[in-house]
Amino acid sequence: MRNRFRLRVLVSAVVLALAGSVAIGSVAGVGANAATPPGPRTIYISVANRYLTMPHQITAGQYYVQVRTSDPRSVVQVVRAPAGYTPRQYINAATLWIARANSAADPTAAYMAFVNSVTSVGGAVVTRGNVSAFATGFTAGTYWLYEDTYDRPTHLARISVLTVVGKPPVQTHPTGVGVVRFWSPAGGPTMPATLPRTGLLLGIGSYALNSLTIAKLLPGVTNADLNTRGVCFPGGIAQPTKDCFVAGFSQDLGGKVSRGASVFWYYRLAPGDYVAGNIAPDQYFNRPFWMGWYARFTVS
């Protein structure tokens, strides 16, 4: 199996503002004298030893989800499960995919069976002492949440079941500063060329699985450097010839989304130039910035 691409840096988390400080979108047709519908509610999740503590039943509607952890680093994934499908079947599908990827067999069919068995609808990456957040809508049905450091559930007892009941009320919706789509003719994501320092990015899935990772560029790095084998990335067994990325910075916004699904990821970034890529695994695991599979943007 190819190893998932990672920059030679440490993963760092962003300290997020409280959900109340995130901008709320306006609702069409609400006049100045009309009562404004309430905004999204908030769900709080904490992670310890890869187990989640969280509510197990909520009413349908728009939510901000805030995640904290006592572990060094945690990844929380949310999936919507179809009726009749069980967590044990889901783990078995993940196990078969990994077994095929580690063997000489083609893992594509097993991978697609795993990722298409549920609908991935977002999540978050967080480190100890920080808060991570995302925003999404929950409709009536069953959702599973689990710690996703290994891109799959690994223990049945670590899958938390969330039951959503009722009809979504009239609410204002989150407002994003831009849209990230995970397909372009070049292969990489598309997103705004400039972003403010903080906000919500609406991620819309195009591939089987989609998730955003961001790396900060050092001054003077060109697109030609990024696109030329052996300059910013290894050329075969040879090490890169140029330092292209800020040491100590690599940020996964976290939470994979399925094709056609969407999620609002909250981010906070310092001014500078960045590249963003899809960190969600394919059947062999992926390289999010490899040879043009990235979007370049500036934070000002």
C-alpha atoms as a PDB file:
ATOM      1  CA  MET A   1       0.000   0.000   0.000  1.00  0.00           C
ATOM      2  CA  ARG A   2       1.254   3.491  -0.701  1.00  0.00           C
ATOM      3  CA  ASN A   3       1.565   5.572   2.407  1.00  0.00           C
ATOM      4  CA  ARG A   4      -0.732   8.550   2.634  1.00  0.00           C
ATOM      5  CA  PHE A   5       1.184  11.675   1.704  1.00  0.00           C
ATOM      6  CA  ARG A   6       2.113  13.896   4.624  1.00  0.00           C
ATOM      7  CA  LEU A   7       4.292  16.980   4.708  1.00  0.00           C
ATOM      8  CA  ARG A   8       7.402  16.783   6.864  1.00  0.00           C
ATOM      9  CA  VAL A   9       5.769  18.953   9.497  1.00  0.00           C
ATOM     10  CA  LEU A  10       3.745  18.567  12.640  1.00  0.00           C
ATOM     11  CA  VAL A  11      -0.029  18.757  12.535  1.00  0.00           C
ATOM     12  CA  SER A  12      -1.288  21.857  14.340  1.00  0.00           C
ATOM     13  CA  ALA A  13      -4.839  22.762  15.287  1.00  0.00           C
ATOM     14  CA  VAL A  14      -6.532  26.115  15.126  1.00  0.00           C
ATOM     15  CA  VAL A  15      -8.108  27.730  18.167  1.00  0.00           C
ATOM     16  CA  LEU A  16     -11.660  28.395  17.077  1.00  0.00           C
ATOM     17  CA  ALA A  17     -14.005  31.152  18.122  1.00  0.00           C
ATOM     18  CA  LEU A  18     -17.152  30.229  19.988  1.00  0.00           C
ATOM     19  CA  ALA A  19     -20.053  29.293  17.787  1.00  0.00           C
ATOM     20  CA  GLY A  20     -21.882  32.436  18.771  1.00  0.00           C
ATOM     21  CA  SER A  21     -19.277  34.544  17.013  1.00  0.00           C
ATOM     22  CA  VAL A  22     -19.709  32.780  13.671  1.00  0.00           C
ATOM     23  CA  ALA A  23     -21.741  34.796  11.167  1.00  0.00           C
ATOM     24  CA  ILE A  24     -25.276  33.626  10.506  1.00  0.00           C
ATOM     25  CA  GLY A  25     -26.805  33.964   7.065  1.00  0.00           C
ATOM     26  CA  SER A  26     -29.927  35.944   6.355  1.00  0.00           C
ATOM     27  CA  VAL A  27     -33.178  34.306   5.337  1.00  0.00           C
ATOM     28  CA  ALA A  28     -34.903  35.424   2.156  1.00  0.00           C
ATOM     29  CA  GLY A  29     -38.271  37.034   2.696  1.00  0.00           C
ATOM     30  CA  VAL A  30     -37.703  38.067   6.313  1.00  0.00           C
ATOM     31  CA  GLY A  31     -38.517  41.742   6.523  1.00  0.00           C
ATOM     32  CA  ALA A  32     -37.106  44.308   8.903  1.00  0.00           C
ATOM     33  CA  ASN A  33     -40.180  44.093  11.156  1.00  0.00           C
ATOM     34  CA  ALA A  34     -40.497  40.307  11.050  1.00  0.00           C
ATOM     35  CA  ALA A  35     -39.133  38.028  13.739  1.00  0.00           C
ATOM     36  CA  THR A  36     -35.795  36.553  12.701  1.00  0.00           C
ATOM     37  CA  PRO A  37     -35.749  32.754  12.909  1.00  0.00           C
ATOM     38  CA  PRO A  38     -33.307  31.326  15.436  1.00  0.00           C
ATOM     39  CA  GLY A  39     -29.847  30.302  14.331  1.00  0.00           C
ATOM     40  CA  PRO A  40     -28.286  26.848  14.460  1.00  0.00           C
ATOM     41  CA  ARG A  41     -28.131  25.072  17.762  1.00  0.00           C
ATOM     42  CA  THR A  42     -24.892  23.640  19.170  1.00  0.00           C
ATOM     43  CA  ILE A  43     -23.746  20.091  19.877  1.00  0.00           C
ATOM     44  CA  TYR A  44     -20.728  19.538  22.138  1.00  0.00           C
ATOM     45  CA  ILE A  45     -18.495  16.494  21.685  1.00  0.00           C
ATOM     46  CA  SER A  46     -15.493  15.510  23.773  1.00  0.00           C
ATOM     47  CA  VAL A  47     -12.994  12.749  22.967  1.00  0.00           C
ATOM     48  CA  ALA A  48     -10.901  10.744  25.437  1.00  0.00           C
ATOM     49  CA  ASN A  49      -8.919   7.604  24.609  1.00  0.00           C
ATOM     50  CA  ARG A  50     -10.674   7.678  21.215  1.00  0.00           C
ATOM     51  CA  TYR A  51     -14.131   7.363  22.836  1.00  0.00           C
ATOM     52  CA  LEU A  52     -16.729  10.077  22.228  1.00  0.00           C
ATOM     53  CA  THR A  53     -18.935  11.694  24.872  1.00  0.00           C
ATOM     54  CA  MET A  54     -21.906  13.358  23.202  1.00  0.00           C
ATOM     55  CA  PRO A  55     -25.724  13.497  23.037  1.00  0.00           C
ATOM     56  CA  HIS A  56     -27.413  10.404  21.645  1.00  0.00           C
ATOM     57  CA  GLN A  57     -30.688  11.988  20.535  1.00  0.00           C
ATOM     58  CA  ILE A  58     -31.381  15.432  19.062  1.00  0.00           C
ATOM     59  CA  THR A  59     -34.180  17.075  17.110  1.00  0.00           C
ATOM     60  CA  ALA A  60     -33.658  17.746  13.408  1.00  0.00           C
ATOM     61  CA  GLY A  61     -32.223  21.068  12.304  1.00  0.00           C
ATOM     62  CA  GLN A  62     -29.081  23.114  11.678  1.00  0.00           C
ATOM     63  CA  TYR A  63     -26.245  22.691  14.164  1.00  0.00           C
ATOM     64  CA  TYR A  64     -22.785  23.916  15.000  1.00  0.00           C
ATOM     65  CA  VAL A  65     -20.713  21.031  16.353  1.00  0.00           C
ATOM     66  CA  GLN A  66     -17.860  21.879  18.729  1.00  0.00           C
ATOM     67  CA  VAL A  67     -15.232  19.215  19.397  1.00  0.00           C
ATOM     68  CA  ARG A  68     -12.617  19.012  22.145  1.00  0.00           C
ATOM     69  CA  THR A  69     -10.194  16.234  23.096  1.00  0.00           C
ATOM     70  CA  SER A  70      -8.001  15.176  25.993  1.00  0.00           C
ATOM     71  CA  ASP A  71      -5.957  13.046  23.578  1.00  0.00           C
ATOM     72  CA  PRO A  72      -2.996  14.590  21.722  1.00  0.00           C
ATOM     73  CA  ARG A  73      -5.004  14.684  18.481  1.00  0.00           C
ATOM     74  CA  SER A  74      -8.452  13.434  17.521  1.00  0.00           C
ATOM     75  CA  VAL A  75     -10.453  13.142  14.327  1.00  0.00           C
ATOM     76  CA  VAL A  76     -14.236  12.946  14.592  1.00  0.00           C
ATOM     77  CA  GLN A  77     -16.223  11.616  11.635  1.00  0.00           C
ATOM     78  CA  VAL A  78     -19.999  11.724  11.161  1.00  0.00           C
ATOM     79  CA  VAL A  79     -21.786   9.343   8.795  1.00  0.00           C
ATOM     80  CA  ARG A  80     -25.461   8.781   8.065  1.00  0.00           C
ATOM     81  CA  ALA A  81     -26.353   5.101   8.159  1.00  0.00           C
ATOM     82  CA  PRO A  82     -29.035   3.602   5.903  1.00  0.00           C
ATOM     83  CA  ALA A  83     -31.898   1.664   7.448  1.00  0.00           C
ATOM     84  CA  GLY A  84     -30.956  -1.909   8.308  1.00  0.00           C
ATOM     85  CA  TYR A  85     -27.181  -1.398   8.018  1.00  0.00           C
ATOM     86  CA  THR A  86     -25.260  -2.162  11.220  1.00  0.00           C
ATOM     87  CA  PRO A  87     -22.013  -0.836  12.733  1.00  0.00           C
ATOM     88  CA  ARG A  88     -20.582  -4.365  12.564  1.00  0.00           C
ATOM     89  CA  GLN A  89     -21.191  -4.499   8.814  1.00  0.00           C
ATOM     90  CA  TYR A  90     -19.519  -1.112   8.469  1.00  0.00           C
ATOM     91  CA  ILE A  91     -16.405  -2.231  10.360  1.00  0.00           C
ATOM     92  CA  ASN A  92     -16.277  -5.446   8.315  1.00  0.00           C
ATOM     93  CA  ALA A  93     -16.385  -3.415   5.087  1.00  0.00           C
ATOM     94  CA  ALA A  94     -13.525  -1.213   6.314  1.00  0.00           C
ATOM     95  CA  THR A  95     -11.477  -4.236   7.350  1.00  0.00           C
ATOM     96  CA  LEU A  96     -11.900  -5.859   3.936  1.00  0.00           C
ATOM     97  CA  TRP A  97     -10.776  -2.669   2.168  1.00  0.00           C
ATOM     98  CA  ILE A  98      -7.605  -2.414   4.259  1.00  0.00           C
ATOM     99  CA  ALA A  99      -6.858  -6.122   3.825  1.00  0.00           C
ATOM    100  CA  ARG A 100      -7.179  -5.823   0.044  1.00  0.00           C
ATOM    101  CA  ALA A 101      -5.033  -2.680  -0.027  1.00  0.00           C
ATOM    102  CA  ASN A 102      -2.303  -4.489   1.928  1.00  0.00           C
ATOM    103  CA  SER A 103      -2.348  -7.470  -0.430  1.00  0.00           C
ATOM    104  CA  ALA A 104      -1.751  -7.980  -4.108  1.00  0.00           C
ATOM    105  CA  ALA A 105      -5.495  -7.838  -4.771  1.00  0.00           C
ATOM    106  CA  ASP A 106      -7.161  -4.811  -6.344  1.00  0.00           C
ATOM    107  CA  PRO A 107      -8.805  -2.920  -3.430  1.00  0.00           C
ATOM    108  CA  THR A 108     -11.068  -0.719  -5.580  1.00  0.00           C
ATOM    109  CA  ALA A 109     -14.281  -2.723  -5.224  1.00  0.00           C
ATOM    110  CA  ALA A 110     -13.808  -3.155  -1.461  1.00  0.00           C
ATOM    111  CA  TYR A 111     -13.039   0.544  -1.066  1.00  0.00           C
ATOM    112  CA  MET A 112     -16.127   1.623  -2.986  1.00  0.00           C
ATOM    113  CA  ALA A 113     -18.299  -0.816  -1.035  1.00  0.00           C
ATOM    114  CA  PHE A 114     -16.994   0.683   2.220  1.00  0.00           C
ATOM    115  CA  VAL A 115     -17.373   4.372   1.339  1.00  0.00           C
ATOM    116  CA  ASN A 116     -20.737   3.943  -0.389  1.00  0.00           C
ATOM    117  CA  SER A 117     -22.260   1.912   2.429  1.00  0.00           C
ATOM    118  CA  VAL A 118     -22.921   5.153   4.375  1.00  0.00           C
ATOM    119  CA  THR A 119     -23.032   8.876   3.621  1.00  0.00           C
ATOM    120  CA  SER A 120     -20.141  10.800   5.165  1.00  0.00           C
ATOM    121  CA  VAL A 121     -21.383  14.225   6.263  1.00  0.00           C
ATOM    122  CA  GLY A 122     -18.441  15.961   7.924  1.00  0.00           C
ATOM    123  CA  GLY A 123     -16.475  16.111  11.129  1.00  0.00           C
ATOM    124  CA  ALA A 124     -13.478  17.803  12.686  1.00  0.00           C
ATOM    125  CA  VAL A 125      -9.788  17.497  13.574  1.00  0.00           C
ATOM    126  CA  VAL A 126      -8.728  18.848  16.961  1.00  0.00           C
ATOM    127  CA  THR A 127      -5.691  18.790  19.247  1.00  0.00           C
ATOM    128  CA  ARG A 128      -5.571  18.905  23.035  1.00  0.00           C
ATOM    129  CA  GLY A 129      -6.340  22.346  24.441  1.00  0.00           C
ATOM    130  CA  ASN A 130      -8.054  23.578  21.278  1.00  0.00           C
ATOM    131  CA  VAL A 131     -11.585  23.583  19.896  1.00  0.00           C
ATOM    132  CA  SER A 132     -12.590  22.575  16.380  1.00  0.00           C
ATOM    133  CA  ALA A 133     -15.967  23.167  14.804  1.00  0.00           C
ATOM    134  CA  PHE A 134     -18.143  22.492  11.797  1.00  0.00           C
ATOM    135  CA  ALA A 135     -21.735  23.257  10.831  1.00  0.00           C
ATOM    136  CA  THR A 136     -24.256  20.976   9.175  1.00  0.00           C
ATOM    137  CA  GLY A 137     -27.904  20.014   9.063  1.00  0.00           C
ATOM    138  CA  PHE A 138     -29.274  16.847  10.633  1.00  0.00           C
ATOM    139  CA  THR A 139     -32.503  15.292   9.378  1.00  0.00           C
ATOM    140  CA  ALA A 140     -34.505  12.493  10.955  1.00  0.00           C
ATOM    141  CA  GLY A 141     -32.617   9.216  10.912  1.00  0.00           C
ATOM    142  CA  THR A 142     -29.578   7.476  12.374  1.00  0.00           C
ATOM    143  CA  TYR A 143     -26.031   8.831  12.361  1.00  0.00           C
ATOM    144  CA  TRP A 144     -22.819   7.244  13.570  1.00  0.00           C
ATOM    145  CA  LEU A 145     -19.916   9.227  15.006  1.00  0.00           C
ATOM    146  CA  TYR A 146     -16.484   7.784  15.686  1.00  0.00           C
ATOM    147  CA  GLU A 147     -12.811   8.645  16.102  1.00  0.00           C
ATOM    148  CA  ASP A 148     -11.327   8.530  12.607  1.00  0.00           C
ATOM    149  CA  THR A 149      -7.545   8.823  12.926  1.00  0.00           C
ATOM    150  CA  TYR A 150      -7.168   5.678  10.775  1.00  0.00           C
ATOM    151  CA  ASP A 151      -9.735   6.738   8.145  1.00  0.00           C
ATOM    152  CA  ARG A 152     -12.189   4.120   9.326  1.00  0.00           C
ATOM    153  CA  PRO A 153     -13.868   2.825  12.479  1.00  0.00           C
ATOM    154  CA  THR A 154     -11.665   0.312  14.274  1.00  0.00           C
ATOM    155  CA  HIS A 155     -13.703  -0.722  17.342  1.00  0.00           C
ATOM    156  CA  LEU A 156     -17.410  -1.410  17.568  1.00  0.00           C
ATOM    157  CA  ALA A 157     -17.576   0.101  21.075  1.00  0.00           C
ATOM    158  CA  ARG A 158     -16.166   3.391  19.753  1.00  0.00           C
ATOM    159  CA  ILE A 159     -19.019   4.016  17.327  1.00  0.00           C
ATOM    160  CA  SER A 160     -21.538   6.374  18.964  1.00  0.00           C
ATOM    161  CA  VAL A 161     -25.102   6.294  17.671  1.00  0.00           C
ATOM    162  CA  LEU A 162     -26.969   9.584  17.238  1.00  0.00           C
ATOM    163  CA  THR A 163     -30.723   9.412  16.618  1.00  0.00           C
ATOM    164  CA  VAL A 164     -32.318  12.463  15.015  1.00  0.00           C
ATOM    165  CA  VAL A 165     -36.080  12.912  15.358  1.00  0.00           C
ATOM    166  CA  GLY A 166     -38.709  15.369  14.153  1.00  0.00           C
ATOM    167  CA  LYS A 167     -38.829  17.872  11.303  1.00  0.00           C
ATOM    168  CA  PRO A 168     -36.246  20.658  10.889  1.00  0.00           C
ATOM    169  CA  PRO A 169     -37.618  23.985  12.182  1.00  0.00           C
ATOM    170  CA  VAL A 170     -37.313  27.273  10.349  1.00  0.00           C
ATOM    171  CA  GLN A 171     -33.784  28.486  11.117  1.00  0.00           C
ATOM    172  CA  THR A 172     -31.191  30.811   9.699  1.00  0.00           C
ATOM    173  CA  HIS A 173     -28.330  28.963   8.007  1.00  0.00           C
ATOM    174  CA  PRO A 174     -24.573  29.406   8.323  1.00  0.00           C
ATOM    175  CA  THR A 175     -22.946  31.736   5.811  1.00  0.00           C
ATOM    176  CA  GLY A 176     -19.705  30.642   4.156  1.00  0.00           C
ATOM    177  CA  VAL A 177     -16.904  32.848   2.865  1.00  0.00           C
ATOM    178  CA  GLY A 178     -16.362  30.518  -0.072  1.00  0.00           C
ATOM    179  CA  VAL A 179     -17.121  27.153  -1.651  1.00  0.00           C
ATOM    180  CA  VAL A 180     -14.643  24.290  -2.037  1.00  0.00           C
ATOM    181  CA  ARG A 181     -15.395  21.755  -4.761  1.00  0.00           C
ATOM    182  CA  PHE A 182     -13.178  18.716  -5.010  1.00  0.00           C
ATOM    183  CA  TRP A 183     -12.997  18.351  -8.759  1.00  0.00           C
ATOM    184  CA  SER A 184     -11.469  20.450 -11.520  1.00  0.00           C
ATOM    185  CA  PRO A 185     -10.067  19.676 -14.993  1.00  0.00           C
ATOM    186  CA  ALA A 186      -6.599  19.678 -13.392  1.00  0.00           C
ATOM    187  CA  GLY A 187      -7.749  17.140 -10.805  1.00  0.00           C
ATOM    188  CA  GLY A 188      -7.461  19.279  -7.684  1.00  0.00           C
ATOM    189  CA  PRO A 189     -10.094  21.221  -5.733  1.00  0.00           C
ATOM    190  CA  THR A 190     -11.439  24.611  -6.722  1.00  0.00           C
ATOM    191  CA  MET A 191     -11.924  27.407  -4.178  1.00  0.00           C
ATOM    192  CA  PRO A 192     -11.589  31.202  -3.905  1.00  0.00           C
ATOM    193  CA  ALA A 193      -8.138  32.598  -4.729  1.00  0.00           C
ATOM    194  CA  THR A 194      -8.300  34.852  -1.661  1.00  0.00           C
ATOM    195  CA  LEU A 195      -9.865  34.266   1.738  1.00  0.00           C
ATOM    196  CA  PRO A 196     -10.331  36.309   4.909  1.00  0.00           C
ATOM    197  CA  ARG A 197      -8.410  35.217   7.996  1.00  0.00           C
ATOM    198  CA  THR A 198     -11.357  33.370   9.479  1.00  0.00           C
ATOM    199  CA  GLY A 199     -14.720  32.004   8.400  1.00  0.00           C
ATOM    200  CA  LEU A 200     -16.700  29.008   7.245  1.00  0.00           C
ATOM    201  CA  LEU A 201     -15.798  27.163   4.048  1.00  0.00           C
ATOM    202  CA  LEU A 202     -18.558  25.150   2.405  1.00  0.00           C
ATOM    203  CA  GLY A 203     -17.049  21.858   1.245  1.00  0.00           C
ATOM    204  CA  ILE A 204     -19.038  20.009  -1.445  1.00  0.00           C
ATOM    205  CA  GLY A 205     -18.048  16.422  -2.207  1.00  0.00           C
ATOM    206  CA  SER A 206     -17.196  15.452  -5.791  1.00  0.00           C
ATOM    207  CA  TYR A 207     -15.190  12.248  -5.368  1.00  0.00           C
ATOM    208  CA  ALA A 208     -16.221   9.191  -3.386  1.00  0.00           C
ATOM    209  CA  LEU A 209     -14.665  10.821  -0.293  1.00  0.00           C
ATOM    210  CA  ASN A 210     -13.535  14.414   0.176  1.00  0.00           C
ATOM    211  CA  SER A 211     -11.739  16.278   2.975  1.00  0.00           C
ATOM    212  CA  LEU A 212      -9.625  19.439   3.017  1.00  0.00           C
ATOM    213  CA  THR A 213      -6.020  19.742   4.143  1.00  0.00           C
ATOM    214  CA  ILE A 214      -4.042  22.995   4.050  1.00  0.00           C
ATOM    215  CA  ALA A 215      -0.291  23.701   3.966  1.00  0.00           C
ATOM    216  CA  LYS A 216       1.369  27.112   4.239  1.00  0.00           C
ATOM    217  CA  LEU A 217       3.939  28.035   1.587  1.00  0.00           C
ATOM    218  CA  LEU A 218       7.255  29.713   2.200  1.00  0.00           C
ATOM    219  CA  PRO A 219       7.863  33.000   0.335  1.00  0.00           C
ATOM    220  CA  GLY A 220       9.013  32.620  -3.245  1.00  0.00           C
ATOM    221  CA  VAL A 221       7.444  29.208  -3.970  1.00  0.00           C
ATOM    222  CA  THR A 222       6.076  29.140  -7.513  1.00  0.00           C
ATOM    223  CA  ASN A 223       3.485  26.919  -9.148  1.00  0.00           C
ATOM    224  CA  ALA A 224       6.309  25.535 -11.300  1.00  0.00           C
ATOM    225  CA  ASP A 225       8.104  24.468  -8.093  1.00  0.00           C
ATOM    226  CA  LEU A 226       4.982  22.671  -6.908  1.00  0.00           C
ATOM    227  CA  ASN A 227       4.338  21.022 -10.249  1.00  0.00           C
ATOM    228  CA  THR A 228       7.892  19.840 -10.981  1.00  0.00           C
ATOM    229  CA  ARG A 229       8.743  16.394  -9.670  1.00  0.00           C
ATOM    230  CA  GLY A 230      11.632  16.492  -7.194  1.00  0.00           C
ATOM    231  CA  VAL A 231      11.420  20.193  -6.282  1.00  0.00           C
ATOM    232  CA  CYS A 232       8.841  20.483  -3.473  1.00  0.00           C
ATOM    233  CA  PHE A 233       8.065  16.766  -3.314  1.00  0.00           C
ATOM    234  CA  PRO A 234      10.282  13.684  -3.496  1.00  0.00           C
ATOM    235  CA  GLY A 235      11.436  12.611  -6.947  1.00  0.00           C
ATOM    236  CA  GLY A 236      11.450   8.863  -6.590  1.00  0.00           C
ATOM    237  CA  ILE A 237      13.789   8.077  -3.686  1.00  0.00           C
ATOM    238  CA  ALA A 238      15.498  11.479  -3.914  1.00  0.00           C
ATOM    239  CA  GLN A 239      14.557  14.118  -1.349  1.00  0.00           C
ATOM    240  CA  PRO A 240      13.016  17.440  -2.489  1.00  0.00           C
ATOM    241  CA  THR A 241      15.534  20.032  -3.630  1.00  0.00           C
ATOM    242  CA  LYS A 242      13.645  23.002  -2.166  1.00  0.00           C
ATOM    243  CA  ASP A 243      11.952  23.767   1.146  1.00  0.00           C
ATOM    244  CA  CYS A 244       8.493  24.866   0.046  1.00  0.00           C
ATOM    245  CA  PHE A 245       6.379  24.622   3.186  1.00  0.00           C
ATOM    246  CA  VAL A 246       6.368  26.364   6.556  1.00  0.00           C
ATOM    247  CA  ALA A 247       7.755  23.914   9.109  1.00  0.00           C
ATOM    248  CA  GLY A 248       5.295  23.071  11.867  1.00  0.00           C
ATOM    249  CA  PHE A 249       2.195  23.904   9.852  1.00  0.00           C
ATOM    250  CA  SER A 250      -0.193  21.391   8.335  1.00  0.00           C
ATOM    251  CA  GLN A 251      -3.879  21.726   9.008  1.00  0.00           C
ATOM    252  CA  ASP A 252      -6.601  19.213   8.227  1.00  0.00           C
ATOM    253  CA  LEU A 253     -10.033  20.780   8.535  1.00  0.00           C
ATOM    254  CA  GLY A 254     -11.303  17.262   8.948  1.00  0.00           C
ATOM    255  CA  GLY A 255     -14.539  15.465   8.414  1.00  0.00           C
ATOM    256  CA  LYS A 256     -14.892  13.604   5.146  1.00  0.00           C
ATOM    257  CA  VAL A 257     -17.940  14.207   2.962  1.00  0.00           C
ATOM    258  CA  SER A 258     -19.373  11.854   0.361  1.00  0.00           C
ATOM    259  CA  ARG A 259     -20.030  12.769  -3.257  1.00  0.00           C
ATOM    260  CA  GLY A 260     -22.916  15.234  -3.270  1.00  0.00           C
ATOM    261  CA  ALA A 261     -22.814  15.837   0.500  1.00  0.00           C
ATOM    262  CA  SER A 262     -21.618  19.091   2.057  1.00  0.00           C
ATOM    263  CA  VAL A 263     -20.371  20.572   5.326  1.00  0.00           C
ATOM    264  CA  PHE A 264     -19.249  23.965   6.623  1.00  0.00           C
ATOM    265  CA  TRP A 265     -15.694  23.809   8.014  1.00  0.00           C
ATOM    266  CA  TYR A 266     -14.569  26.597  10.344  1.00  0.00           C
ATOM    267  CA  TYR A 267     -10.991  27.828   9.855  1.00  0.00           C
ATOM    268  CA  ARG A 268      -8.625  30.493  11.180  1.00  0.00           C
ATOM    269  CA  LEU A 269      -5.440  31.239   9.237  1.00  0.00           C
ATOM    270  CA  ALA A 270      -2.659  33.803   9.423  1.00  0.00           C
ATOM    271  CA  PRO A 271      -1.940  35.957   6.340  1.00  0.00           C
ATOM    272  CA  GLY A 272       0.152  34.242   3.676  1.00  0.00           C
ATOM    273  CA  ASP A 273       0.061  31.885   0.711  1.00  0.00           C
ATOM    274  CA  TYR A 274      -1.351  28.379   1.041  1.00  0.00           C
ATOM    275  CA  VAL A 275      -2.181  25.251  -0.905  1.00  0.00           C
ATOM    276  CA  ALA A 276      -5.202  23.054  -0.199  1.00  0.00           C
ATOM    277  CA  GLY A 277      -5.823  19.476  -1.283  1.00  0.00           C
ATOM    278  CA  ASN A 278      -8.079  16.498  -0.728  1.00  0.00           C
ATOM    279  CA  ILE A 279      -6.759  14.443   2.203  1.00  0.00           C
ATOM    280  CA  ALA A 280      -9.553  11.848   2.110  1.00  0.00           C
ATOM    281  CA  PRO A 281      -8.149   8.444   1.097  1.00  0.00           C
ATOM    282  CA  ASP A 282      -8.737   6.758  -2.202  1.00  0.00           C
ATOM    283  CA  GLN A 283      -8.486   2.985  -2.472  1.00  0.00           C
ATOM    284  CA  TYR A 284      -4.683   3.167  -2.036  1.00  0.00           C
ATOM    285  CA  PHE A 285      -4.529   6.339   0.116  1.00  0.00           C
ATOM    286  CA  ASN A 286      -3.707   9.646  -1.485  1.00  0.00           C
ATOM    287  CA  ARG A 287      -1.247  12.494  -2.060  1.00  0.00           C
ATOM    288  CA  PRO A 288      -3.249  15.711  -1.742  1.00  0.00           C
ATOM    289  CA  PHE A 289      -0.771  18.174  -3.324  1.00  0.00           C
ATOM    290  CA  TRP A 290       0.905  15.884  -5.829  1.00  0.00           C
ATOM    291  CA  MET A 291       1.647  17.335  -9.270  1.00  0.00           C
ATOM    292  CA  GLY A 292      -1.147  19.872  -9.541  1.00  0.00           C
ATOM    293  CA  TRP A 293      -3.739  18.170  -7.347  1.00  0.00           C
ATOM    294  CA  TYR A 294      -4.134  21.278  -5.209  1.00  0.00           C
ATOM    295  CA  ALA A 295      -5.684  24.743  -5.087  1.00  0.00           C
ATOM    296  CA  ARG A 296      -3.474  27.726  -4.261  1.00  0.00           C
ATOM    297  CA  PHE A 297      -4.934  30.647  -2.302  1.00  0.00           C
ATOM    298  CA  THR A 298      -3.906  33.717  -0.317  1.00  0.00           C
ATOM    299  CA  VAL A 299      -5.112  34.869   3.090  1.00  0.00           C
ATOM    300  CA  SER A 300      -4.920  38.616   3.594  1.00  0.00           C
END
